[in-house]
Structure formats: C-alpha cells, structure tokens
Amino acid sequence: MRLSYPTSIKIIRVPCTGKVDVIHILRSFEKGADGVYVVGCMEGDCHFNKGNFRARKRVEQAQKLLEDIGIGGERVKMYNLSSSEAPLFVEYAKEMSEKILELGPNPIKEAKKSLRGQNEAVSG
C-alpha cells in the first residue's frame, strides 16, 4: 500500500524532534517555506526520553515569534504519531497543505520578491 502526500512537502529527517530548534523553524521561513510542521513520537513514548516535549515547546515558541512579527503562528504546527500511523501522517500533510494554501505565501518570500524587483529596476 503506497500512500501519497502533497508533493510540495519536503521531509527533513532528524534523529529526534527534540533536535529541532526554534532557529531551524525560523530559518525555514527565511529560506522561503510557507509553513512548517514537526511530527514527533507519541507523547510519553519518546526513545530519547523527553525530546518530543522539547520539540512541542520550541514549536510553541516559534508560533509566538511568528505571530509577533506578523507572519502568523498558525504556519507552524506539531503533531504526534507512532511510526505505524502512515495514513494519519498523510492526513496531517493534507491538512497542513490546505491550511497553508488558505493562508497564502510566506510574507517574507513575497517581500524578497518585491525587493529583488526593486533592485533590478534600480540597476537595470
């Protein structure tokens, strides 16, 4: 059984979601991502003890920062699954993709495009 999720999703594997730092999430937006979601182990079932709890806290920090700077905290989300829940992973992927489409492009990416256009007009 092969499951498919939206092709716009880029998966970045880490040994544990506890290794995902706020700066990694923010840098994703700086590099043009329209949204980020972190998928970790079920709470209380982390092989590295409390990695998924650290990840959730960092996702919440990123949400607050993105909200404060006007990008929108709802562009970042954390999900918890077991490795046997592939259909649920696909469901979350589709849910997140729909949310991002509803929100529109990352405002940073749009601002960079605008600045590039201004630079080309000035130097051209």
Protein backbone atom coordinates (compact mmCIF):
# COMPACT_ATOMS: atom_id res chain seq x y z
CA MET A 1 0.00 0.00 0.00
CA ARG A 2 1.63 3.20 -1.17
CA LEU A 3 0.35 6.40 0.40
CA SER A 4 0.85 9.77 -1.22
CA TYR A 5 1.00 13.20 0.34
CA PRO A 6 1.21 16.62 -1.32
CA THR A 7 4.35 16.99 -3.45
CA SER A 8 5.00 20.44 -2.01
CA ILE A 9 6.05 18.86 1.30
CA LYS A 10 9.78 18.45 1.87
CA ILE A 11 10.63 15.94 4.59
CA ILE A 12 13.69 16.60 6.72
CA ARG A 13 14.53 13.65 8.94
CA VAL A 14 16.14 14.14 12.34
CA PRO A 15 17.07 11.51 14.93
CA CYS A 16 14.58 13.04 17.37
CA THR A 17 12.25 16.03 17.18
CA GLY A 18 14.00 17.22 20.34
CA LYS A 19 16.85 18.23 17.99
CA VAL A 20 14.60 20.70 16.17
CA ASP A 21 15.38 24.17 17.47
CA VAL A 22 13.41 27.39 17.08
CA ILE A 23 16.17 28.73 14.81
CA HIS A 24 15.66 25.77 12.41
CA ILE A 25 11.97 26.59 12.14
CA LEU A 26 12.58 30.31 11.65
CA ARG A 27 15.33 29.67 9.09
CA SER A 28 12.87 27.58 7.08
CA PHE A 29 10.68 30.66 6.71
CA GLU A 30 13.68 32.82 5.91
CA LYS A 31 14.54 30.39 3.10
CA GLY A 32 11.02 30.59 1.69
CA ALA A 33 8.93 27.87 3.34
CA ASP A 34 5.24 28.76 3.56
CA GLY A 35 4.71 26.51 6.58
CA VAL A 36 6.45 24.01 8.83
CA TYR A 37 5.09 21.08 10.71
CA VAL A 38 7.00 18.84 13.07
CA VAL A 39 5.96 15.21 13.50
CA GLY A 40 7.22 13.54 16.64
CA CYS A 41 6.65 10.40 18.65
CA MET A 42 3.58 9.97 20.78
CA GLU A 43 3.90 11.99 23.98
CA GLY A 44 5.44 9.89 26.71
CA ASP A 45 6.79 7.41 24.15
CA CYS A 46 10.00 9.16 23.07
CA HIS A 47 13.04 6.91 22.70
CA PHE A 48 15.16 9.89 23.80
CA ASN A 49 13.01 10.49 26.91
CA LYS A 50 11.54 13.98 26.53
CA GLY A 51 12.57 15.03 23.04
CA ASN A 52 9.03 15.40 21.78
CA PHE A 53 8.12 17.60 24.76
CA ARG A 54 11.10 19.86 23.98
CA ALA A 55 10.01 19.99 20.35
CA ARG A 56 6.45 20.97 21.30
CA LYS A 57 7.76 23.78 23.50
CA ARG A 58 10.01 25.03 20.67
CA VAL A 59 7.17 24.88 18.15
CA GLU A 60 5.07 26.97 20.54
CA GLN A 61 7.92 29.48 20.86
CA ALA A 62 8.22 29.68 17.07
CA GLN A 63 4.45 30.18 16.77
CA LYS A 64 4.61 33.10 19.19
CA LEU A 65 7.59 34.69 17.42
CA LEU A 66 5.98 34.32 14.00
CA GLU A 67 2.77 35.82 15.35
CA ASP A 68 4.69 38.74 16.90
CA ILE A 69 6.46 39.61 13.64
CA GLY A 70 3.31 39.32 11.54
CA ILE A 71 3.96 36.11 9.62
CA GLY A 72 1.37 34.11 11.54
CA GLY A 73 1.89 31.46 14.18
CA GLU A 74 -0.60 29.13 12.52
CA ARG A 75 2.02 28.42 9.85
CA VAL A 76 3.80 26.13 12.35
CA LYS A 77 2.30 23.06 13.96
CA MET A 78 3.35 19.98 15.90
CA TYR A 79 1.80 16.54 15.51
CA ASN A 80 2.48 13.34 17.44
CA LEU A 81 2.22 9.92 15.79
CA SER A 82 3.60 6.45 16.10
CA SER A 83 5.61 5.06 13.19
CA SER A 84 2.72 2.72 12.30
CA GLU A 85 0.33 5.60 11.57
CA ALA A 86 1.29 6.41 7.96
CA PRO A 87 -2.32 7.11 6.90
CA LEU A 88 -2.57 9.67 9.70
CA PHE A 89 0.72 11.23 8.55
CA VAL A 90 -0.82 11.66 5.09
CA GLU A 91 -3.95 13.17 6.64
CA TYR A 92 -1.85 15.68 8.61
CA ALA A 93 0.17 16.51 5.50
CA LYS A 94 -3.00 17.27 3.57
CA GLU A 95 -4.44 19.26 6.49
CA MET A 96 -1.30 21.37 6.77
CA SER A 97 -1.11 21.92 3.00
CA GLU A 98 -4.73 23.10 2.92
CA LYS A 99 -4.08 25.46 5.83
CA ILE A 100 -1.02 26.95 4.10
CA LEU A 101 -2.92 27.38 0.83
CA GLU A 102 -5.63 29.19 2.79
CA LEU A 103 -3.03 31.47 4.44
CA GLY A 104 -1.22 32.18 1.19
CA PRO A 105 2.50 32.55 0.53
CA ASN A 106 5.04 33.29 3.23
CA PRO A 107 5.17 37.11 3.60
CA ILE A 108 8.98 37.01 3.80
CA LYS A 109 9.17 35.30 0.41
CA GLU A 110 6.84 37.89 -1.07
CA ALA A 111 8.89 40.75 0.42
CA LYS A 112 12.10 39.27 -1.03
CA LYS A 113 10.49 39.08 -4.48
CA SER A 114 9.44 42.70 -4.17
CA LEU A 115 12.94 43.79 -3.11
CA ARG A 116 14.52 41.84 -5.97
CA GLY A 117 12.23 43.60 -8.41
CA GLN A 118 13.20 46.98 -6.94
CA ASN A 119 16.91 46.14 -7.17
CA GLU A 120 16.57 45.08 -10.80
CA ALA A 121 14.74 48.30 -11.62
CA VAL A 122 17.43 50.40 -9.93
CA SER A 123 20.39 48.60 -11.51
CA GLY A 124 18.73 47.89 -14.87
